Amino acid sequence: MAAGALAVLEAKFEESGGDVQKYLPERYAEVEKSLADVRDSMARKSYGDVVTGAAAAQDALKRAVADARVAHAQSVAALSPSKT
């Protein structure tokens, strides 16, 4: 279960981390740190910490991805000529 939780987190981070890194680099660093903490827990065989840490990191990643999409949309809107 712990290995699966870590694998899912790593896959989601790999898949969506680029957008977060581009638009919200500070949030990317936070999620990256959370992922490193989960990996450390796995190395220490603290499987309960892996499961809870992975769940918390996935939630943080989901929020960061949503916020990055908003930031992207705002930057696109700022570049688009407004219609008056």
PDB file of N, CA and C in Angstrom:
ATOM      1  N   MET A   1       0.819  -1.196   0.000  1.00  0.00           N
ATOM      2  CA  MET A   1       0.000   0.000   0.000  1.00  0.00           C
ATOM      3  C   MET A   1       0.865   1.262   0.000  1.00  0.00           C
ATOM      4  N   ALA A   2       1.897   1.282   0.815  1.00  0.00           N
ATOM      5  CA  ALA A   2       2.773   2.457   0.890  1.00  0.00           C
ATOM      6  C   ALA A   2       3.511   2.668  -0.429  1.00  0.00           C
ATOM      7  N   ALA A   3       4.017   1.589  -0.999  1.00  0.00           N
ATOM      8  CA  ALA A   3       4.735   1.715  -2.273  1.00  0.00           C
ATOM      9  C   ALA A   3       3.796   2.204  -3.369  1.00  0.00           C
ATOM     10  N   GLY A   4       2.565   1.720  -3.344  1.00  0.00           N
ATOM     11  CA  GLY A   4       1.585   2.163  -4.327  1.00  0.00           C
ATOM     12  C   GLY A   4       1.246   3.639  -4.169  1.00  0.00           C
ATOM     13  N   ALA A   5       1.109   4.089  -2.924  1.00  0.00           N
ATOM     14  CA  ALA A   5       0.805   5.500  -2.663  1.00  0.00           C
ATOM     15  C   ALA A   5       1.939   6.389  -3.168  1.00  0.00           C
ATOM     16  N   LEU A   6       3.164   5.959  -2.930  1.00  0.00           N
ATOM     17  CA  LEU A   6       4.319   6.725  -3.399  1.00  0.00           C
ATOM     18  C   LEU A   6       4.375   6.734  -4.927  1.00  0.00           C
ATOM     19  N   ALA A   7       4.123   5.586  -5.543  1.00  0.00           N
ATOM     20  CA  ALA A   7       4.161   5.497  -7.010  1.00  0.00           C
ATOM     21  C   ALA A   7       3.115   6.397  -7.653  1.00  0.00           C
ATOM     22  N   VAL A   8       1.923   6.432  -7.089  1.00  0.00           N
ATOM     23  CA  VAL A   8       0.865   7.291  -7.621  1.00  0.00           C
ATOM     24  C   VAL A   8       1.269   8.751  -7.490  1.00  0.00           C
ATOM     25  N   LEU A   9       1.800   9.122  -6.337  1.00  0.00           N
ATOM     26  CA  LEU A   9       2.230  10.501  -6.115  1.00  0.00           C
ATOM     27  C   LEU A   9       3.316  10.897  -7.110  1.00  0.00           C
ATOM     28  N   GLU A  10       4.303  10.032  -7.286  1.00  0.00           N
ATOM     29  CA  GLU A  10       5.389  10.332  -8.218  1.00  0.00           C
ATOM     30  C   GLU A  10       4.872  10.483  -9.643  1.00  0.00           C
ATOM     31  N   ALA A  11       3.945   9.622 -10.045  1.00  0.00           N
ATOM     32  CA  ALA A  11       3.397   9.691 -11.400  1.00  0.00           C
ATOM     33  C   ALA A  11       2.620  10.990 -11.603  1.00  0.00           C
ATOM     34  N   LYS A  12       1.808  11.356 -10.624  1.00  0.00           N
ATOM     35  CA  LYS A  12       1.026  12.592 -10.754  1.00  0.00           C
ATOM     36  C   LYS A  12       1.938  13.819 -10.753  1.00  0.00           C
ATOM     37  N   PHE A  13       2.981  13.771  -9.943  1.00  0.00           N
ATOM     38  CA  PHE A  13       3.920  14.882  -9.898  1.00  0.00           C
ATOM     39  C   PHE A  13       4.646  15.008 -11.236  1.00  0.00           C
ATOM     40  N   GLU A  14       5.057  13.887 -11.789  1.00  0.00           N
ATOM     41  CA  GLU A  14       5.736  13.878 -13.092  1.00  0.00           C
ATOM     42  C   GLU A  14       4.813  14.406 -14.189  1.00  0.00           C
ATOM     43  N   GLU A  15       3.555  14.007 -14.122  1.00  0.00           N
ATOM     44  CA  GLU A  15       2.578  14.378 -15.143  1.00  0.00           C
ATOM     45  C   GLU A  15       2.208  15.862 -15.081  1.00  0.00           C
ATOM     46  N   SER A  16       2.005  16.397 -13.892  1.00  0.00           N
ATOM     47  CA  SER A  16       1.492  17.762 -13.788  1.00  0.00           C
ATOM     48  C   SER A  16       2.430  18.768 -13.179  1.00  0.00           C
ATOM     49  N   GLY A  17       3.574  18.330 -12.725  1.00  0.00           N
ATOM     50  CA  GLY A  17       4.486  19.255 -12.064  1.00  0.00           C
ATOM     51  C   GLY A  17       5.001  20.367 -12.953  1.00  0.00           C
ATOM     52  N   GLY A  18       5.096  20.129 -14.243  1.00  0.00           N
ATOM     53  CA  GLY A  18       5.623  21.135 -15.156  1.00  0.00           C
ATOM     54  C   GLY A  18       4.816  22.413 -15.183  1.00  0.00           C
ATOM     55  N   ASP A  19       3.500  22.272 -15.193  1.00  0.00           N
ATOM     56  CA  ASP A  19       2.645  23.461 -15.186  1.00  0.00           C
ATOM     57  C   ASP A  19       2.795  24.229 -13.881  1.00  0.00           C
ATOM     58  N   VAL A  20       2.860  23.495 -12.798  1.00  0.00           N
ATOM     59  CA  VAL A  20       3.026  24.151 -11.496  1.00  0.00           C
ATOM     60  C   VAL A  20       4.373  24.856 -11.443  1.00  0.00           C
ATOM     61  N   GLN A  21       5.403  24.197 -11.920  1.00  0.00           N
ATOM     62  CA  GLN A  21       6.739  24.792 -11.903  1.00  0.00           C
ATOM     63  C   GLN A  21       6.782  26.066 -12.738  1.00  0.00           C
ATOM     64  N   LYS A  22       6.083  26.073 -13.867  1.00  0.00           N
ATOM     65  CA  LYS A  22       6.106  27.222 -14.761  1.00  0.00           C
ATOM     66  C   LYS A  22       5.365  28.427 -14.174  1.00  0.00           C
ATOM     67  N   TYR A  23       4.190  28.186 -13.617  1.00  0.00           N
ATOM     68  CA  TYR A  23       3.346  29.296 -13.177  1.00  0.00           C
ATOM     69  C   TYR A  23       3.432  29.609 -11.687  1.00  0.00           C
ATOM     70  N   LEU A  24       3.780  28.604 -10.872  1.00  0.00           N
ATOM     71  CA  LEU A  24       3.857  28.794  -9.425  1.00  0.00           C
ATOM     72  C   LEU A  24       5.093  28.081  -8.872  1.00  0.00           C
ATOM     73  N   PRO A  25       6.279  28.590  -9.171  1.00  0.00           N
ATOM     74  CA  PRO A  25       7.500  27.878  -8.779  1.00  0.00           C
ATOM     75  C   PRO A  25       7.636  27.653  -7.278  1.00  0.00           C
ATOM     76  N   GLU A  26       7.111  28.569  -6.463  1.00  0.00           N
ATOM     77  CA  GLU A  26       7.208  28.378  -5.011  1.00  0.00           C
ATOM     78  C   GLU A  26       6.344  27.206  -4.554  1.00  0.00           C
ATOM     79  N   ARG A  27       5.187  27.043  -5.172  1.00  0.00           N
ATOM     80  CA  ARG A  27       4.319  25.904  -4.844  1.00  0.00           C
ATOM     81  C   ARG A  27       4.936  24.600  -5.340  1.00  0.00           C
ATOM     82  N   TYR A  28       5.601  24.667  -6.486  1.00  0.00           N
ATOM     83  CA  TYR A  28       6.295  23.490  -7.007  1.00  0.00           C
ATOM     84  C   TYR A  28       7.341  23.026  -6.003  1.00  0.00           C
ATOM     85  N   ALA A  29       8.099  23.964  -5.467  1.00  0.00           N
ATOM     86  CA  ALA A  29       9.132  23.623  -4.488  1.00  0.00           C
ATOM     87  C   ALA A  29       8.527  22.997  -3.238  1.00  0.00           C
ATOM     88  N   GLU A  30       7.369  23.493  -2.824  1.00  0.00           N
ATOM     89  CA  GLU A  30       6.699  22.929  -1.642  1.00  0.00           C
ATOM     90  C   GLU A  30       6.272  21.485  -1.894  1.00  0.00           C
ATOM     91  N   VAL A  31       5.674  21.242  -3.049  1.00  0.00           N
ATOM     92  CA  VAL A  31       5.220  19.890  -3.374  1.00  0.00           C
ATOM     93  C   VAL A  31       6.421  18.964  -3.565  1.00  0.00           C
ATOM     94  N   GLU A  32       7.459  19.478  -4.194  1.00  0.00           N
ATOM     95  CA  GLU A  32       8.678  18.691  -4.386  1.00  0.00           C
ATOM     96  C   GLU A  32       9.269  18.290  -3.031  1.00  0.00           C
ATOM     97  N   LYS A  33       9.242  19.201  -2.072  1.00  0.00           N
ATOM     98  CA  LYS A  33       9.736  18.911  -0.717  1.00  0.00           C
ATOM     99  C   LYS A  33       8.872  17.840  -0.061  1.00  0.00           C
ATOM    100  N   SER A  34       7.565  17.947  -0.232  1.00  0.00           N
ATOM    101  CA  SER A  34       6.661  16.931   0.323  1.00  0.00           C
ATOM    102  C   SER A  34       6.949  15.560  -0.274  1.00  0.00           C
ATOM    103  N   LEU A  35       7.197  15.524  -1.571  1.00  0.00           N
ATOM    104  CA  LEU A  35       7.537  14.265  -2.234  1.00  0.00           C
ATOM    105  C   LEU A  35       8.844  13.705  -1.680  1.00  0.00           C
ATOM    106  N   ALA A  36       9.830  14.560  -1.475  1.00  0.00           N
ATOM    107  CA  ALA A  36      11.105  14.118  -0.901  1.00  0.00           C
ATOM    108  C   ALA A  36      10.895  13.564   0.510  1.00  0.00           C
ATOM    109  N   ASP A  37      10.026  14.199   1.277  1.00  0.00           N
ATOM    110  CA  ASP A  37       9.730  13.709   2.630  1.00  0.00           C
ATOM    111  C   ASP A  37       9.085  12.329   2.589  1.00  0.00           C
ATOM    112  N   VAL A  38       8.182  12.121   1.637  1.00  0.00           N
ATOM    113  CA  VAL A  38       7.530  10.816   1.497  1.00  0.00           C
ATOM    114  C   VAL A  38       8.565   9.761   1.091  1.00  0.00           C
ATOM    115  N   ARG A  39       9.451  10.126   0.182  1.00  0.00           N
ATOM    116  CA  ARG A  39      10.519   9.184  -0.211  1.00  0.00           C
ATOM    117  C   ARG A  39      11.410   8.842   0.981  1.00  0.00           C
ATOM    118  N   ASP A  40      11.720   9.829   1.803  1.00  0.00           N
ATOM    119  CA  ASP A  40      12.530   9.578   3.006  1.00  0.00           C
ATOM    120  C   ASP A  40      11.802   8.640   3.963  1.00  0.00           C
ATOM    121  N   SER A  41      10.504   8.838   4.120  1.00  0.00           N
ATOM    122  CA  SER A  41       9.714   7.949   4.981  1.00  0.00           C
ATOM    123  C   SER A  41       9.750   6.525   4.454  1.00  0.00           C
ATOM    124  N   MET A  42       9.688   6.385   3.136  1.00  0.00           N
ATOM    125  CA  MET A  42       9.745   5.057   2.529  1.00  0.00           C
ATOM    126  C   MET A  42      11.100   4.416   2.799  1.00  0.00           C
ATOM    127  N   ALA A  43      12.160   5.189   2.672  1.00  0.00           N
ATOM    128  CA  ALA A  43      13.505   4.665   2.918  1.00  0.00           C
ATOM    129  C   ALA A  43      13.666   4.222   4.372  1.00  0.00           C
ATOM    130  N   ARG A  44      12.985   4.923   5.282  1.00  0.00           N
ATOM    131  CA  ARG A  44      13.049   4.569   6.708  1.00  0.00           C
ATOM    132  C   ARG A  44      12.058   3.467   7.067  1.00  0.00           C
ATOM    133  N   LYS A  45      11.284   3.034   6.082  1.00  0.00           N
ATOM    134  CA  LYS A  45      10.253   2.017   6.266  1.00  0.00           C
ATOM    135  C   LYS A  45       9.168   2.470   7.237  1.00  0.00           C
ATOM    136  N   SER A  46       8.901   3.751   7.229  1.00  0.00           N
ATOM    137  CA  SER A  46       7.808   4.326   8.023  1.00  0.00           C
ATOM    138  C   SER A  46       6.569   4.364   7.127  1.00  0.00           C
ATOM    139  N   TYR A  47       5.994   3.204   6.927  1.00  0.00           N
ATOM    140  CA  TYR A  47       4.948   3.060   5.921  1.00  0.00           C
ATOM    141  C   TYR A  47       3.694   3.868   6.233  1.00  0.00           C
ATOM    142  N   GLY A  48       3.362   4.010   7.498  1.00  0.00           N
ATOM    143  CA  GLY A  48       2.220   4.849   7.858  1.00  0.00           C
ATOM    144  C   GLY A  48       2.450   6.294   7.453  1.00  0.00           C
ATOM    145  N   ASP A  49       3.685   6.765   7.666  1.00  0.00           N
ATOM    146  CA  ASP A  49       4.027   8.131   7.260  1.00  0.00           C
ATOM    147  C   ASP A  49       4.000   8.281   5.744  1.00  0.00           C
ATOM    148  N   VAL A  50       4.371   7.225   5.037  1.00  0.00           N
ATOM    149  CA  VAL A  50       4.332   7.264   3.567  1.00  0.00           C
ATOM    150  C   VAL A  50       2.896   7.461   3.092  1.00  0.00           C
ATOM    151  N   VAL A  51       1.987   6.673   3.647  1.00  0.00           N
ATOM    152  CA  VAL A  51       0.591   6.733   3.210  1.00  0.00           C
ATOM    153  C   VAL A  51      -0.021   8.091   3.546  1.00  0.00           C
ATOM    154  N   THR A  52       0.160   8.558   4.770  1.00  0.00           N
ATOM    155  CA  THR A  52      -0.433   9.848   5.136  1.00  0.00           C
ATOM    156  C   THR A  52       0.264  11.000   4.417  1.00  0.00           C
ATOM    157  N   GLY A  53       1.577  10.913   4.289  1.00  0.00           N
ATOM    158  CA  GLY A  53       2.322  11.964   3.592  1.00  0.00           C
ATOM    159  C   GLY A  53       1.981  12.021   2.118  1.00  0.00           C
ATOM    160  N   ALA A  54       1.812  10.863   1.493  1.00  0.00           N
ATOM    161  CA  ALA A  54       1.463  10.824   0.073  1.00  0.00           C
ATOM    162  C   ALA A  54       0.073  11.403  -0.149  1.00  0.00           C
ATOM    163  N   ALA A  55      -0.860  11.086   0.743  1.00  0.00           N
ATOM    164  CA  ALA A  55      -2.214  11.631   0.607  1.00  0.00           C
ATOM    165  C   ALA A  55      -2.194  13.150   0.735  1.00  0.00           C
ATOM    166  N   ALA A  56      -1.470  13.661   1.711  1.00  0.00           N
ATOM    167  CA  ALA A  56      -1.382  15.113   1.903  1.00  0.00           C
ATOM    168  C   ALA A  56      -0.682  15.777   0.716  1.00  0.00           C
ATOM    169  N   ALA A  57       0.373  15.147   0.218  1.00  0.00           N
ATOM    170  CA  ALA A  57       1.102  15.703  -0.922  1.00  0.00           C
ATOM    171  C   ALA A  57       0.244  15.684  -2.183  1.00  0.00           C
ATOM    172  N   GLN A  58      -0.565  14.631  -2.370  1.00  0.00           N
ATOM    173  CA  GLN A  58      -1.457  14.586  -3.534  1.00  0.00           C
ATOM    174  C   GLN A  58      -2.491  15.697  -3.460  1.00  0.00           C
ATOM    175  N   ASP A  59      -3.020  15.946  -2.268  1.00  0.00           N
ATOM    176  CA  ASP A  59      -3.977  17.048  -2.112  1.00  0.00           C
ATOM    177  C   ASP A  59      -3.313  18.382  -2.438  1.00  0.00           C
ATOM    178  N   ALA A  60      -2.102  18.579  -1.925  1.00  0.00           N
ATOM    179  CA  ALA A  60      -1.373  19.822  -2.202  1.00  0.00           C
ATOM    180  C   ALA A  60      -1.079  19.953  -3.690  1.00  0.00           C
ATOM    181  N   LEU A  61      -0.735  18.844  -4.332  1.00  0.00           N
ATOM    182  CA  LEU A  61      -0.454  18.869  -5.765  1.00  0.00           C
ATOM    183  C   LEU A  61      -1.714  19.215  -6.558  1.00  0.00           C
ATOM    184  N   LYS A  62      -2.845  18.630  -6.187  1.00  0.00           N
ATOM    185  CA  LYS A  62      -4.098  18.934  -6.884  1.00  0.00           C
ATOM    186  C   LYS A  62      -4.431  20.416  -6.777  1.00  0.00           C
ATOM    187  N   ARG A  63      -4.283  20.979  -5.586  1.00  0.00           N
ATOM    188  CA  ARG A  63      -4.553  22.409  -5.407  1.00  0.00           C
ATOM    189  C   ARG A  63      -3.568  23.248  -6.216  1.00  0.00           C
ATOM    190  N   ALA A  64      -2.304  22.840  -6.223  1.00  0.00           N
ATOM    191  CA  ALA A  64      -1.289  23.585  -6.969  1.00  0.00           C
ATOM    192  C   ALA A  64      -1.559  23.532  -8.467  1.00  0.00           C
ATOM    193  N   VAL A  65      -1.976  22.384  -8.962  1.00  0.00           N
ATOM    194  CA  VAL A  65      -2.300  22.253 -10.389  1.00  0.00           C
ATOM    195  C   VAL A  65      -3.484  23.147 -10.737  1.00  0.00           C
ATOM    196  N   ALA A  66      -4.500  23.140  -9.902  1.00  0.00           N
ATOM    197  CA  ALA A  66      -5.663  24.000 -10.152  1.00  0.00           C
ATOM    198  C   ALA A  66      -5.255  25.469 -10.134  1.00  0.00           C
ATOM    199  N   ASP A  67      -4.451  25.852  -9.162  1.00  0.00           N
ATOM    200  CA  ASP A  67      -3.994  27.241  -9.080  1.00  0.00           C
ATOM    201  C   ASP A  67      -3.107  27.613 -10.266  1.00  0.00           C
ATOM    202  N   ALA A  68      -2.303  26.666 -10.731  1.00  0.00           N
ATOM    203  CA  ALA A  68      -1.447  26.925 -11.896  1.00  0.00           C
ATOM    204  C   ALA A  68      -2.300  27.128 -13.149  1.00  0.00           C
ATOM    205  N   ARG A  69      -3.372  26.372 -13.256  1.00  0.00           N
ATOM    206  CA  ARG A  69      -4.270  26.546 -14.404  1.00  0.00           C
ATOM    207  C   ARG A  69      -4.943  27.910 -14.368  1.00  0.00           C
ATOM    208  N   VAL A  70      -5.309  28.351 -13.181  1.00  0.00           N
ATOM    209  CA  VAL A  70      -5.889  29.686 -13.038  1.00  0.00           C
ATOM    210  C   VAL A  70      -4.852  30.740 -13.420  1.00  0.00           C
ATOM    211  N   ALA A  71      -3.619  30.575 -12.931  1.00  0.00           N
ATOM    212  CA  ALA A  71      -2.560  31.534 -13.264  1.00  0.00           C
ATOM    213  C   ALA A  71      -2.303  31.567 -14.769  1.00  0.00           C
ATOM    214  N   HIS A  72      -2.338  30.399 -15.395  1.00  0.00           N
ATOM    215  CA  HIS A  72      -2.166  30.329 -16.850  1.00  0.00           C
ATOM    216  C   HIS A  72      -3.299  31.075 -17.553  1.00  0.00           C
ATOM    217  N   ALA A  73      -4.521  30.820 -17.146  1.00  0.00           N
ATOM    218  CA  ALA A  73      -5.668  31.488 -17.773  1.00  0.00           C
ATOM    219  C   ALA A  73      -5.589  32.999 -17.584  1.00  0.00           C
ATOM    220  N   GLN A  74      -5.148  33.419 -16.410  1.00  0.00           N
ATOM    221  CA  GLN A  74      -5.013  34.855 -16.157  1.00  0.00           C
ATOM    222  C   GLN A  74      -3.937  35.466 -17.049  1.00  0.00           C
ATOM    223  N   SER A  75      -2.850  34.743 -17.252  1.00  0.00           N
ATOM    224  CA  SER A  75      -1.790  35.292 -18.113  1.00  0.00           C
ATOM    225  C   SER A  75      -2.244  35.352 -19.561  1.00  0.00           C
ATOM    226  N   VAL A  76      -3.014  34.368 -19.993  1.00  0.00           N
ATOM    227  CA  VAL A  76      -3.552  34.391 -21.356  1.00  0.00           C
ATOM    228  C   VAL A  76      -4.541  35.534 -21.498  1.00  0.00           C
ATOM    229  N   ALA A  77      -5.388  35.719 -20.514  1.00  0.00           N
ATOM    230  CA  ALA A  77      -6.379  36.789 -20.557  1.00  0.00           C
ATOM    231  C   ALA A  77      -5.706  38.151 -20.561  1.00  0.00           C
ATOM    232  N   ALA A  78      -4.611  38.281 -19.838  1.00  0.00           N
ATOM    233  CA  ALA A  78      -3.898  39.556 -19.787  1.00  0.00           C
ATOM    234  C   ALA A  78      -3.264  39.894 -21.134  1.00  0.00           C
ATOM    235  N   LEU A  79      -2.922  38.875 -21.902  1.00  0.00           N
ATOM    236  CA  LEU A  79      -2.301  39.098 -23.214  1.00  0.00           C
ATOM    237  C   LEU A  79      -3.326  39.317 -24.318  1.00  0.00           C
ATOM    238  N   SER A  80      -4.550  38.899 -24.069  1.00  0.00           N
ATOM    239  CA  SER A  80      -5.603  39.034 -25.088  1.00  0.00           C
ATOM    240  C   SER A  80      -6.139  40.462 -25.093  1.00  0.00           C
ATOM    241  N   PRO A  81      -6.371  40.992 -26.288  1.00  0.00           N
ATOM    242  CA  PRO A  81      -6.951  42.340 -26.340  1.00  0.00           C
ATOM    243  C   PRO A  81      -8.377  42.311 -25.799  1.00  0.00           C
ATOM    244  N   SER A  82      -8.691  43.264 -24.977  1.00  0.00           N
ATOM    245  CA  SER A  82     -10.038  43.295 -24.408  1.00  0.00           C
ATOM    246  C   SER A  82     -11.019  43.877 -25.409  1.00  0.00           C
ATOM    247  N   LYS A  83     -12.225  43.389 -25.354  1.00  0.00           N
ATOM    248  CA  LYS A  83     -13.278  43.871 -26.242  1.00  0.00           C
ATOM    249  C   LYS A  83     -14.076  44.903 -25.473  1.00  0.00           C
ATOM    250  N   THR A  84     -14.224  46.057 -26.059  1.00  0.00           N
ATOM    251  CA  THR A  84     -14.997  47.117 -25.416  1.00  0.00           C
ATOM    252  C   THR A  84     -16.199  47.494 -26.215  1.00  0.00           C
TER     253      THR A  84
END
